[in-house]
Amino acid sequence: MNCLDCGAPAVVGVCVDCGAAVCRDHVVVAEVHLTRTMPINRQVPVQPAARRLRCTVCNAAHLATTR
């Protein structure tokens, strides 16, 4: 599998949004803080935070919608 952006053969992951293969230079690693429901509908954060891999295009789109 090759990186969709530059064609490098060394791929480190797949974008969770679009499914594109990404190399080390084009991957964006973000933290996702998951929660679980405890008794009486109380939300408790789960540690450690999970990782989410995105390509640079999907990360730019995500940042544009969250600002």
Protein backbone atom coordinates (compact mmCIF):
# COMPACT_ATOMS: atom_id res chain seq x y z
CA MET A 1 0.00 0.00 0.00
CA ASN A 2 1.30 3.49 -0.87
CA CYS A 3 0.60 6.90 0.66
CA LEU A 4 -2.20 8.64 -1.23
CA ASP A 5 -0.54 12.07 -0.92
CA CYS A 6 3.06 11.35 -1.93
CA GLY A 7 3.17 7.73 -3.10
CA ALA A 8 5.67 6.62 -0.44
CA PRO A 9 5.60 2.84 0.05
CA ALA A 10 6.07 3.07 3.84
CA VAL A 11 2.51 3.53 5.13
CA VAL A 12 1.96 3.92 8.88
CA GLY A 13 -1.84 3.92 8.97
CA VAL A 14 -5.21 4.53 7.37
CA CYS A 15 -7.31 7.68 7.78
CA VAL A 16 -10.38 6.97 9.92
CA ASP A 17 -12.53 9.39 7.90
CA CYS A 18 -11.76 8.66 4.23
CA GLY A 19 -9.74 5.42 4.36
CA ALA A 20 -6.68 6.83 2.59
CA ALA A 21 -3.31 5.25 3.36
CA VAL A 22 -0.93 7.78 4.92
CA CYS A 23 2.83 7.86 5.49
CA ARG A 24 4.65 9.29 8.51
CA ASP A 25 4.91 12.74 6.85
CA HIS A 26 1.18 13.03 6.08
CA VAL A 27 -0.44 11.47 9.15
CA VAL A 28 -2.05 13.55 11.90
CA VAL A 29 -2.38 11.74 15.23
CA ALA A 30 -5.13 13.11 17.48
CA GLU A 31 -6.28 12.08 20.93
CA VAL A 32 -9.88 11.03 21.50
CA HIS A 33 -11.15 11.04 25.06
CA LEU A 34 -13.62 8.19 25.40
CA THR A 35 -16.17 7.93 28.19
CA ARG A 36 -18.14 5.12 29.73
CA THR A 37 -21.46 5.22 31.54
CA MET A 38 -21.40 4.38 35.23
CA PRO A 39 -24.42 3.84 37.51
CA ILE A 40 -26.94 6.68 37.61
CA ASN A 41 -25.99 7.72 34.01
CA ARG A 42 -22.72 9.30 35.09
CA GLN A 43 -20.13 9.74 32.30
CA VAL A 44 -16.59 8.82 33.38
CA PRO A 45 -13.54 9.43 31.14
CA VAL A 46 -11.53 6.35 30.18
CA GLN A 47 -7.75 6.59 30.51
CA PRO A 48 -5.56 6.62 28.50
CA ALA A 49 -6.94 8.58 25.58
CA ALA A 50 -7.41 6.70 22.30
CA ARG A 51 -5.54 7.62 19.13
CA ARG A 52 -7.21 8.66 15.89
CA LEU A 53 -5.24 8.82 12.62
CA ARG A 54 -6.31 11.30 9.95
CA CYS A 55 -4.85 12.39 6.63
CA THR A 56 -3.97 16.08 6.24
CA VAL A 57 -7.05 16.80 4.10
CA CYS A 58 -9.53 15.27 6.55
CA ASN A 59 -7.77 16.92 9.48
CA ALA A 60 -8.07 20.34 7.81
CA ALA A 61 -11.77 19.70 7.16
CA HIS A 62 -12.28 18.59 10.77
CA LEU A 63 -10.52 21.68 12.13
CA ALA A 64 -12.59 23.95 9.85
CA THR A 65 -15.84 22.53 11.23
CA THR A 66 -14.80 22.73 14.89
CA ARG A 67 -13.64 26.35 14.95
